[in-house]
């Protein structure tokens, strides 16, 4: 595992003022992945923007992990539908 591609869960939690249990709950709800090295949980840097968004939802709007999972699922569906609409628009443009 390359060190530069991962950040310690402990470090992330200290920087964002959130408990490690929150990060592990996001893992349990399949919102992000956790890698382990020497019994220490690590987050992939590509997951950081998503996790930071989830932390903001939790802290600013007081949304619990179950609600965050629902929001994450719905945002994924919206993104998928937007991609489908864009694809259909392209197909429609070819017929004009």
N, C-alpha and C. Protein backbone atom coordinates (compact mmCIF):
# COMPACT_ATOMS: atom_id res chain seq x y z
N UNK A 1 0.84 -1.17 0.00
CA UNK A 1 0.00 0.00 0.00
C UNK A 1 0.89 1.24 0.00
N UNK A 2 0.69 2.13 -0.94
CA UNK A 2 1.48 3.35 -1.01
C UNK A 2 1.00 4.33 0.05
N UNK A 3 1.91 4.87 0.82
CA UNK A 3 1.56 5.78 1.90
C UNK A 3 0.93 7.07 1.39
N UNK A 4 1.40 7.59 0.26
CA UNK A 4 0.91 8.88 -0.21
C UNK A 4 -0.53 8.83 -0.69
N UNK A 5 -1.08 7.63 -0.88
CA UNK A 5 -2.46 7.51 -1.35
C UNK A 5 -3.45 7.30 -0.22
N UNK A 6 -2.97 7.26 1.01
CA UNK A 6 -3.81 6.98 2.15
C UNK A 6 -3.56 7.97 3.27
N UNK A 7 -4.60 8.16 4.10
CA UNK A 7 -4.47 9.00 5.29
C UNK A 7 -5.04 8.20 6.46
N UNK A 8 -4.43 8.35 7.59
CA UNK A 8 -4.88 7.66 8.79
C UNK A 8 -6.27 8.16 9.20
N UNK A 9 -7.12 7.25 9.63
CA UNK A 9 -8.45 7.64 10.11
C UNK A 9 -8.31 8.56 11.31
N UNK A 10 -7.35 8.26 12.16
CA UNK A 10 -7.12 9.08 13.35
C UNK A 10 -6.77 10.51 12.96
N UNK A 11 -5.89 10.66 11.98
CA UNK A 11 -5.49 11.99 11.50
C UNK A 11 -6.68 12.74 10.92
N UNK A 12 -7.47 12.06 10.09
CA UNK A 12 -8.66 12.68 9.50
C UNK A 12 -9.60 13.18 10.59
N UNK A 13 -9.85 12.33 11.57
CA UNK A 13 -10.80 12.67 12.63
C UNK A 13 -10.31 13.84 13.48
N UNK A 14 -9.02 13.89 13.75
CA UNK A 14 -8.45 15.01 14.51
C UNK A 14 -8.59 16.32 13.74
N UNK A 15 -8.37 16.27 12.42
CA UNK A 15 -8.44 17.48 11.60
C UNK A 15 -9.87 17.98 11.42
N UNK A 16 -10.84 17.07 11.43
CA UNK A 16 -12.23 17.44 11.15
C UNK A 16 -13.12 17.45 12.39
N UNK A 17 -12.56 17.14 13.54
CA UNK A 17 -13.32 17.20 14.78
C UNK A 17 -14.48 16.22 14.84
N UNK A 18 -14.24 15.02 14.36
CA UNK A 18 -15.27 13.99 14.35
C UNK A 18 -14.68 12.72 14.95
N UNK A 19 -15.52 11.92 15.57
CA UNK A 19 -15.05 10.69 16.18
C UNK A 19 -14.77 9.60 15.16
N UNK A 20 -13.85 8.72 15.51
CA UNK A 20 -13.52 7.62 14.61
C UNK A 20 -14.73 6.73 14.37
N UNK A 21 -15.63 6.66 15.34
CA UNK A 21 -16.83 5.82 15.19
C UNK A 21 -17.68 6.30 14.01
N UNK A 22 -17.66 7.61 13.75
CA UNK A 22 -18.41 8.14 12.61
C UNK A 22 -17.85 7.58 11.30
N UNK A 23 -16.54 7.60 11.17
CA UNK A 23 -15.88 7.10 9.96
C UNK A 23 -16.17 5.61 9.78
N UNK A 24 -16.09 4.86 10.87
CA UNK A 24 -16.36 3.43 10.78
C UNK A 24 -17.84 3.16 10.46
N UNK A 25 -18.73 4.04 10.90
CA UNK A 25 -20.14 3.86 10.55
C UNK A 25 -20.35 4.13 9.05
N UNK A 26 -19.59 5.06 8.48
CA UNK A 26 -19.69 5.30 7.04
C UNK A 26 -19.19 4.07 6.27
N UNK A 27 -18.22 3.38 6.82
CA UNK A 27 -17.74 2.12 6.23
C UNK A 27 -18.82 1.04 6.34
N UNK A 28 -19.44 0.95 7.51
CA UNK A 28 -20.49 -0.06 7.72
C UNK A 28 -21.67 0.15 6.77
N UNK A 29 -21.96 1.41 6.46
CA UNK A 29 -23.06 1.71 5.54
C UNK A 29 -22.60 1.74 4.08
N UNK A 30 -21.39 1.25 3.84
CA UNK A 30 -20.84 1.08 2.50
C UNK A 30 -20.74 2.40 1.72
N UNK A 31 -20.43 3.47 2.43
CA UNK A 31 -20.24 4.77 1.79
C UNK A 31 -18.79 4.96 1.39
N UNK A 32 -17.87 4.35 2.13
CA UNK A 32 -16.45 4.44 1.80
C UNK A 32 -15.75 3.14 2.16
N UNK A 33 -14.52 3.03 1.72
CA UNK A 33 -13.70 1.85 1.98
C UNK A 33 -12.61 2.20 2.98
N UNK A 34 -12.25 1.22 3.79
CA UNK A 34 -11.16 1.38 4.75
C UNK A 34 -10.12 0.31 4.47
N UNK A 35 -8.87 0.73 4.40
CA UNK A 35 -7.76 -0.21 4.25
C UNK A 35 -7.05 -0.29 5.60
N UNK A 36 -6.44 -1.42 5.85
CA UNK A 36 -5.73 -1.59 7.13
C UNK A 36 -4.26 -1.85 6.87
N UNK A 37 -3.45 -1.19 7.67
CA UNK A 37 -2.00 -1.41 7.64
C UNK A 37 -1.52 -1.38 9.07
N UNK A 38 -0.93 -2.48 9.50
CA UNK A 38 -0.43 -2.59 10.87
C UNK A 38 -1.54 -2.28 11.87
N UNK A 39 -2.71 -2.84 11.66
CA UNK A 39 -3.88 -2.69 12.54
C UNK A 39 -4.36 -1.25 12.67
N UNK A 40 -4.00 -0.40 11.73
CA UNK A 40 -4.47 0.98 11.74
C UNK A 40 -5.32 1.22 10.50
N UNK A 41 -6.50 1.77 10.70
CA UNK A 41 -7.38 2.06 9.59
C UNK A 41 -6.89 3.24 8.78
N UNK A 42 -6.96 3.10 7.46
CA UNK A 42 -6.52 4.16 6.54
C UNK A 42 -7.63 4.44 5.54
N UNK A 43 -7.73 5.70 5.12
CA UNK A 43 -8.69 6.13 4.11
C UNK A 43 -7.95 6.47 2.82
N UNK A 44 -8.51 6.06 1.71
CA UNK A 44 -7.92 6.42 0.43
C UNK A 44 -8.21 7.90 0.17
N UNK A 45 -7.24 8.63 -0.33
CA UNK A 45 -7.41 10.07 -0.53
C UNK A 45 -8.54 10.39 -1.51
N UNK A 46 -8.86 9.47 -2.41
CA UNK A 46 -9.97 9.71 -3.34
C UNK A 46 -11.32 9.74 -2.63
N UNK A 47 -11.40 9.11 -1.45
CA UNK A 47 -12.65 9.10 -0.68
C UNK A 47 -12.81 10.33 0.20
N UNK A 48 -11.76 11.14 0.34
CA UNK A 48 -11.81 12.28 1.26
C UNK A 48 -12.88 13.31 0.92
N UNK A 49 -13.05 13.73 -0.35
CA UNK A 49 -14.11 14.71 -0.62
C UNK A 49 -15.50 14.20 -0.24
N UNK A 50 -15.77 12.94 -0.51
CA UNK A 50 -17.06 12.35 -0.15
C UNK A 50 -17.21 12.32 1.37
N UNK A 51 -16.18 11.88 2.07
CA UNK A 51 -16.26 11.80 3.52
C UNK A 51 -16.40 13.19 4.14
N UNK A 52 -15.71 14.18 3.58
CA UNK A 52 -15.83 15.54 4.09
C UNK A 52 -17.25 16.06 3.90
N UNK A 53 -17.89 15.71 2.78
CA UNK A 53 -19.27 16.08 2.54
C UNK A 53 -20.18 15.44 3.58
N UNK A 54 -19.92 14.18 3.89
CA UNK A 54 -20.73 13.47 4.88
C UNK A 54 -20.53 14.05 6.28
N UNK A 55 -19.31 14.47 6.59
CA UNK A 55 -19.03 15.10 7.89
C UNK A 55 -19.82 16.40 8.00
N UNK A 56 -19.86 17.19 6.91
CA UNK A 56 -20.62 18.44 6.94
C UNK A 56 -22.11 18.17 7.15
N UNK A 57 -22.65 17.18 6.47
CA UNK A 57 -24.06 16.83 6.66
C UNK A 57 -24.32 16.45 8.11
N UNK A 58 -23.40 15.70 8.68
CA UNK A 58 -23.54 15.24 10.06
C UNK A 58 -23.43 16.40 11.05
N UNK A 59 -22.43 17.23 10.89
CA UNK A 59 -22.18 18.30 11.86
C UNK A 59 -23.11 19.49 11.69
N UNK A 60 -23.29 19.95 10.45
CA UNK A 60 -24.06 21.18 10.22
C UNK A 60 -25.57 20.94 10.24
N UNK A 61 -26.00 19.78 9.76
CA UNK A 61 -27.44 19.51 9.69
C UNK A 61 -27.89 18.46 10.70
N UNK A 62 -26.93 17.96 11.49
CA UNK A 62 -27.21 16.97 12.52
C UNK A 62 -27.93 15.73 11.96
N UNK A 63 -27.44 15.25 10.84
CA UNK A 63 -28.01 14.06 10.21
C UNK A 63 -27.26 12.83 10.71
N UNK A 64 -28.00 11.82 11.11
CA UNK A 64 -27.38 10.61 11.64
C UNK A 64 -26.85 9.74 10.50
N UNK A 65 -26.04 8.73 10.82
CA UNK A 65 -25.44 7.88 9.77
C UNK A 65 -26.48 7.20 8.86
N UNK A 66 -27.62 6.80 9.41
CA UNK A 66 -28.65 6.17 8.59
C UNK A 66 -29.19 7.17 7.56
N UNK A 67 -29.38 8.41 7.98
CA UNK A 67 -29.84 9.45 7.06
C UNK A 67 -28.80 9.77 6.01
N UNK A 68 -27.53 9.76 6.41
CA UNK A 68 -26.46 10.01 5.47
C UNK A 68 -26.41 8.92 4.42
N UNK A 69 -26.63 7.67 4.84
CA UNK A 69 -26.66 6.57 3.87
C UNK A 69 -27.79 6.78 2.86
N UNK A 70 -28.95 7.19 3.33
CA UNK A 70 -30.08 7.43 2.43
C UNK A 70 -29.77 8.57 1.46
N UNK A 71 -29.18 9.63 1.98
CA UNK A 71 -28.82 10.77 1.12
C UNK A 71 -27.80 10.34 0.08
N UNK A 72 -26.80 9.57 0.50
CA UNK A 72 -25.77 9.08 -0.42
C UNK A 72 -26.40 8.24 -1.54
N UNK A 73 -27.31 7.37 -1.16
CA UNK A 73 -28.00 6.52 -2.14
C UNK A 73 -28.81 7.37 -3.13
N UNK A 74 -29.55 8.33 -2.61
CA UNK A 74 -30.37 9.18 -3.48
C UNK A 74 -29.53 10.05 -4.40
N UNK A 75 -28.41 10.57 -3.89
CA UNK A 75 -27.52 11.36 -4.74
C UNK A 75 -26.94 10.51 -5.86
N UNK A 76 -26.64 9.25 -5.56
CA UNK A 76 -26.16 8.33 -6.59
C UNK A 76 -27.21 8.09 -7.66
N UNK A 77 -28.47 7.96 -7.25
CA UNK A 77 -29.55 7.77 -8.21
C UNK A 77 -29.73 9.02 -9.08
N UNK A 78 -29.66 10.18 -8.47
CA UNK A 78 -29.80 11.43 -9.23
C UNK A 78 -28.69 11.54 -10.26
N UNK A 79 -27.47 11.24 -9.86
CA UNK A 79 -26.33 11.30 -10.78
C UNK A 79 -26.53 10.33 -11.95
N UNK A 80 -27.00 9.14 -11.64
CA UNK A 80 -27.25 8.14 -12.67
C UNK A 80 -28.32 8.61 -13.65
N UNK A 81 -29.37 9.19 -13.12
CA UNK A 81 -30.44 9.70 -13.98
C UNK A 81 -29.96 10.87 -14.84
N UNK A 82 -29.12 11.72 -14.28
CA UNK A 82 -28.57 12.83 -15.06
C UNK A 82 -27.72 12.32 -16.20
N UNK A 83 -26.93 11.28 -15.94
CA UNK A 83 -26.12 10.69 -17.01
C UNK A 83 -27.01 10.08 -18.09
N UNK A 84 -28.09 9.44 -17.68
CA UNK A 84 -29.01 8.83 -18.64
C UNK A 84 -29.69 9.90 -19.49
N UNK A 85 -30.09 11.00 -18.88
CA UNK A 85 -30.71 12.10 -19.63
C UNK A 85 -29.72 12.68 -20.64
N UNK A 86 -28.48 12.87 -20.22
CA UNK A 86 -27.47 13.40 -21.13
C UNK A 86 -27.25 12.45 -22.30
N UNK A 87 -27.22 11.16 -22.03
CA UNK A 87 -27.05 10.16 -23.09
C UNK A 87 -28.23 10.18 -24.06
N UNK A 88 -29.43 10.28 -23.52
CA UNK A 88 -30.62 10.31 -24.37
C UNK A 88 -30.68 11.60 -25.21
N UNK A 89 -30.21 12.70 -24.64
CA UNK A 89 -30.16 13.95 -25.39
C UNK A 89 -29.21 13.83 -26.58
N UNK A 90 -28.07 13.17 -26.36
CA UNK A 90 -27.11 12.97 -27.45
C UNK A 90 -27.73 12.12 -28.55
N UNK A 91 -28.42 11.08 -28.16
CA UNK A 91 -29.08 10.22 -29.15
C UNK A 91 -30.14 10.99 -29.92
N UNK A 92 -30.88 11.81 -29.21
CA UNK A 92 -31.93 12.60 -29.84
C UNK A 92 -31.34 13.62 -30.81
N UNK A 93 -30.21 14.19 -30.46
CA UNK A 93 -29.56 15.15 -31.34
C UNK A 93 -29.10 14.52 -32.63
N UNK A 94 -28.79 13.24 -32.61
CA UNK A 94 -28.34 12.57 -33.85
C UNK A 94 -29.50 12.41 -34.83
N UNK A 95 -30.73 12.45 -34.34
CA UNK A 95 -31.90 12.29 -35.20
C UNK A 95 -32.40 13.62 -35.76
N UNK A 96 -31.86 14.71 -35.30
CA UNK A 96 -32.31 16.04 -35.76
C UNK A 96 -31.69 16.39 -37.09
